[in-house]
Amino acid sequence: MIEACIPKYETAILRRKKANQRVREALKEADLFQWELAILMGVSEATLQKRLRVEMPKAEQDKIIDLIRNHTKKEELMK
């Protein structure tokens, strides 16, 4: 009987979209972890995770994405 409830629960979880998806995708593309971004931003990892939970204004997301991209360009120059 419990097994009958599991598919409904799983689909509800899969439908939920995470906030700040653009920032999360930029992190994946740059192959950075959230803790590395937190260091670049000068905040703790916990602070960054809390900020990522709720959708940030587009301007703030753009600043973070620029920071991620600039970081990866510097890393490529060092190779």
N, C-alpha and C. Protein backbone atom coordinates (compact mmCIF):
# COMPACT_ATOMS: atom_id res chain seq x y z
N MET A 1 0.82 -1.19 0.00
CA MET A 1 0.00 0.00 0.00
C MET A 1 0.87 1.27 0.00
N ILE A 2 1.96 1.24 0.71
CA ILE A 2 2.85 2.40 0.74
C ILE A 2 3.46 2.63 -0.63
N GLU A 3 3.76 1.56 -1.36
CA GLU A 3 4.38 1.66 -2.68
C GLU A 3 3.51 2.45 -3.65
N ALA A 4 2.21 2.41 -3.47
CA ALA A 4 1.30 3.14 -4.36
C ALA A 4 1.45 4.65 -4.20
N CYS A 5 1.90 5.12 -3.05
CA CYS A 5 2.05 6.55 -2.80
C CYS A 5 3.38 7.10 -3.31
N ILE A 6 4.35 6.26 -3.46
CA ILE A 6 5.70 6.73 -3.83
C ILE A 6 5.74 7.43 -5.18
N PRO A 7 5.13 6.92 -6.23
CA PRO A 7 5.20 7.63 -7.51
C PRO A 7 4.65 9.05 -7.47
N LYS A 8 3.56 9.28 -6.76
CA LYS A 8 3.00 10.62 -6.65
C LYS A 8 3.97 11.55 -5.95
N TYR A 9 4.61 11.06 -4.89
CA TYR A 9 5.57 11.86 -4.13
C TYR A 9 6.77 12.20 -5.00
N GLU A 10 7.30 11.23 -5.74
CA GLU A 10 8.46 11.47 -6.58
C GLU A 10 8.17 12.48 -7.68
N THR A 11 7.00 12.41 -8.29
CA THR A 11 6.68 13.35 -9.36
C THR A 11 6.51 14.76 -8.82
N ALA A 12 6.00 14.89 -7.60
CA ALA A 12 5.86 16.22 -7.00
C ALA A 12 7.23 16.84 -6.77
N ILE A 13 8.19 16.04 -6.36
CA ILE A 13 9.54 16.55 -6.14
C ILE A 13 10.19 16.94 -7.47
N LEU A 14 10.00 16.13 -8.49
CA LEU A 14 10.63 16.40 -9.78
C LEU A 14 10.08 17.65 -10.43
N ARG A 15 8.84 18.01 -10.16
CA ARG A 15 8.23 19.19 -10.78
C ARG A 15 8.73 20.48 -10.17
N ARG A 16 9.21 20.44 -8.94
CA ARG A 16 9.65 21.65 -8.26
C ARG A 16 10.91 22.19 -8.92
N LYS A 17 10.88 23.44 -9.30
CA LYS A 17 12.03 24.07 -9.97
C LYS A 17 12.84 24.85 -8.93
N LYS A 18 14.14 24.69 -8.99
CA LYS A 18 15.00 25.40 -8.05
C LYS A 18 15.12 26.86 -8.46
N ALA A 19 15.28 27.73 -7.48
CA ALA A 19 15.46 29.16 -7.73
C ALA A 19 16.86 29.41 -8.26
N ASN A 20 17.03 30.53 -8.94
CA ASN A 20 18.33 30.98 -9.45
C ASN A 20 18.98 29.95 -10.37
N GLN A 21 18.19 29.41 -11.26
CA GLN A 21 18.66 28.37 -12.17
C GLN A 21 19.81 28.86 -13.06
N ARG A 22 19.79 30.13 -13.44
CA ARG A 22 20.87 30.67 -14.29
C ARG A 22 22.22 30.61 -13.57
N VAL A 23 22.22 30.93 -12.30
CA VAL A 23 23.46 30.90 -11.51
C VAL A 23 23.93 29.46 -11.37
N ARG A 24 23.01 28.55 -11.11
CA ARG A 24 23.36 27.14 -10.95
C ARG A 24 23.94 26.57 -12.24
N GLU A 25 23.36 26.95 -13.38
CA GLU A 25 23.87 26.47 -14.67
C GLU A 25 25.26 27.05 -14.96
N ALA A 26 25.47 28.31 -14.61
CA ALA A 26 26.78 28.92 -14.80
C ALA A 26 27.84 28.22 -13.96
N LEU A 27 27.48 27.81 -12.75
CA LEU A 27 28.40 27.06 -11.90
C LEU A 27 28.77 25.73 -12.55
N LYS A 28 27.78 25.05 -13.11
CA LYS A 28 28.05 23.76 -13.76
C LYS A 28 28.96 23.95 -14.97
N GLU A 29 28.67 24.95 -15.79
CA GLU A 29 29.48 25.20 -16.98
C GLU A 29 30.92 25.54 -16.62
N ALA A 30 31.10 26.27 -15.54
CA ALA A 30 32.44 26.68 -15.11
C ALA A 30 33.13 25.59 -14.28
N ASP A 31 32.40 24.52 -13.98
CA ASP A 31 32.94 23.43 -13.17
C ASP A 31 33.41 23.94 -11.80
N LEU A 32 32.57 24.77 -11.19
CA LEU A 32 32.84 25.31 -9.85
C LEU A 32 31.84 24.74 -8.86
N PHE A 33 32.26 24.61 -7.63
CA PHE A 33 31.37 24.22 -6.55
C PHE A 33 30.82 25.48 -5.89
N GLN A 34 29.71 25.31 -5.17
CA GLN A 34 29.12 26.45 -4.47
C GLN A 34 30.09 27.02 -3.44
N TRP A 35 30.85 26.18 -2.78
CA TRP A 35 31.77 26.70 -1.78
C TRP A 35 32.87 27.54 -2.42
N GLU A 36 33.25 27.21 -3.66
CA GLU A 36 34.26 28.01 -4.36
C GLU A 36 33.69 29.38 -4.74
N LEU A 37 32.43 29.39 -5.18
CA LEU A 37 31.78 30.66 -5.49
C LEU A 37 31.64 31.51 -4.23
N ALA A 38 31.33 30.88 -3.11
CA ALA A 38 31.20 31.63 -1.85
C ALA A 38 32.52 32.32 -1.50
N ILE A 39 33.63 31.64 -1.70
CA ILE A 39 34.94 32.25 -1.44
C ILE A 39 35.16 33.44 -2.37
N LEU A 40 34.82 33.28 -3.65
CA LEU A 40 34.97 34.39 -4.61
C LEU A 40 34.11 35.59 -4.21
N MET A 41 32.93 35.31 -3.67
CA MET A 41 32.01 36.38 -3.28
C MET A 41 32.37 36.98 -1.93
N GLY A 42 33.18 36.29 -1.15
CA GLY A 42 33.55 36.79 0.17
C GLY A 42 32.48 36.54 1.22
N VAL A 43 31.70 35.48 1.03
CA VAL A 43 30.67 35.11 2.01
C VAL A 43 30.88 33.65 2.40
N SER A 44 30.18 33.22 3.44
CA SER A 44 30.28 31.82 3.84
C SER A 44 29.43 30.96 2.90
N GLU A 45 29.74 29.67 2.88
CA GLU A 45 28.98 28.75 2.04
C GLU A 45 27.52 28.73 2.47
N ALA A 46 27.27 28.79 3.76
CA ALA A 46 25.89 28.78 4.26
C ALA A 46 25.12 30.01 3.78
N THR A 47 25.77 31.15 3.77
CA THR A 47 25.13 32.38 3.30
C THR A 47 24.76 32.26 1.83
N LEU A 48 25.68 31.74 1.03
CA LEU A 48 25.40 31.57 -0.40
C LEU A 48 24.24 30.61 -0.60
N GLN A 49 24.22 29.49 0.11
CA GLN A 49 23.15 28.52 -0.04
C GLN A 49 21.80 29.11 0.33
N LYS A 50 21.76 29.94 1.36
CA LYS A 50 20.50 30.59 1.74
C LYS A 50 20.04 31.58 0.67
N ARG A 51 21.00 32.28 0.07
CA ARG A 51 20.64 33.26 -0.97
C ARG A 51 20.14 32.56 -2.23
N LEU A 52 20.65 31.36 -2.50
CA LEU A 52 20.24 30.62 -3.70
C LEU A 52 18.85 30.00 -3.56
N ARG A 53 18.34 29.89 -2.35
CA ARG A 53 17.03 29.27 -2.14
C ARG A 53 15.88 30.10 -2.70
N VAL A 54 16.02 31.42 -2.63
CA VAL A 54 14.96 32.33 -3.08
C VAL A 54 15.46 33.08 -4.31
N GLU A 55 14.61 33.22 -5.30
CA GLU A 55 14.98 33.87 -6.56
C GLU A 55 15.52 35.29 -6.31
N MET A 56 16.73 35.53 -6.77
CA MET A 56 17.36 36.84 -6.64
C MET A 56 16.95 37.73 -7.82
N PRO A 57 17.06 39.04 -7.65
CA PRO A 57 16.79 39.92 -8.79
C PRO A 57 17.77 39.61 -9.94
N LYS A 58 17.32 39.86 -11.15
CA LYS A 58 18.12 39.55 -12.34
C LYS A 58 19.47 40.26 -12.31
N ALA A 59 19.51 41.49 -11.85
CA ALA A 59 20.77 42.25 -11.80
C ALA A 59 21.78 41.57 -10.86
N GLU A 60 21.31 41.07 -9.74
CA GLU A 60 22.20 40.39 -8.80
C GLU A 60 22.71 39.07 -9.39
N GLN A 61 21.82 38.36 -10.07
CA GLN A 61 22.23 37.11 -10.73
C GLN A 61 23.28 37.40 -11.79
N ASP A 62 23.09 38.48 -12.55
CA ASP A 62 24.05 38.85 -13.59
C ASP A 62 25.43 39.13 -13.00
N LYS A 63 25.48 39.80 -11.86
CA LYS A 63 26.77 40.09 -11.21
C LYS A 63 27.48 38.80 -10.81
N ILE A 64 26.72 37.87 -10.25
CA ILE A 64 27.30 36.60 -9.82
C ILE A 64 27.77 35.79 -11.02
N ILE A 65 26.99 35.79 -12.09
CA ILE A 65 27.38 35.05 -13.30
C ILE A 65 28.64 35.66 -13.91
N ASP A 66 28.74 36.99 -13.92
CA ASP A 66 29.96 37.64 -14.40
C ASP A 66 31.17 37.25 -13.56
N LEU A 67 30.98 37.17 -12.25
CA LEU A 67 32.06 36.76 -11.36
C LEU A 67 32.51 35.33 -11.69
N ILE A 68 31.56 34.45 -11.93
CA ILE A 68 31.88 33.06 -12.28
C ILE A 68 32.64 33.01 -13.60
N ARG A 69 32.16 33.74 -14.59
CA ARG A 69 32.82 33.72 -15.91
C ARG A 69 34.21 34.33 -15.87
N ASN A 70 34.38 35.43 -15.15
CA ASN A 70 35.70 36.06 -15.04
C ASN A 70 36.68 35.15 -14.33
N HIS A 71 36.20 34.42 -13.36
CA HIS A 71 37.07 33.49 -12.64
C HIS A 71 37.57 32.39 -13.57
N THR A 72 36.66 31.86 -14.40
CA THR A 72 37.08 30.76 -15.27
C THR A 72 38.04 31.25 -16.35
N LYS A 73 37.89 32.48 -16.81
CA LYS A 73 38.81 33.01 -17.82
C LYS A 73 40.21 33.14 -17.25
N LYS A 74 40.32 33.57 -16.01
CA LYS A 74 41.63 33.69 -15.35
C LYS A 74 42.27 32.32 -15.22
N GLU A 75 41.48 31.30 -14.90
CA GLU A 75 42.01 29.95 -14.75
C GLU A 75 42.54 29.42 -16.09
N GLU A 76 41.85 29.74 -17.18
CA GLU A 76 42.30 29.30 -18.49
C GLU A 76 43.61 29.95 -18.88
N LEU A 77 43.80 31.21 -18.50
CA LEU A 77 45.05 31.91 -18.80
C LEU A 77 46.23 31.31 -18.06
N MET A 78 45.98 30.75 -16.89
CA MET A 78 47.04 30.20 -16.07
C MET A 78 47.53 28.85 -16.58
N LYS A 79 46.76 28.19 -17.44
CA LYS A 79 47.15 26.86 -17.95
C LYS A 79 48.26 26.94 -18.97
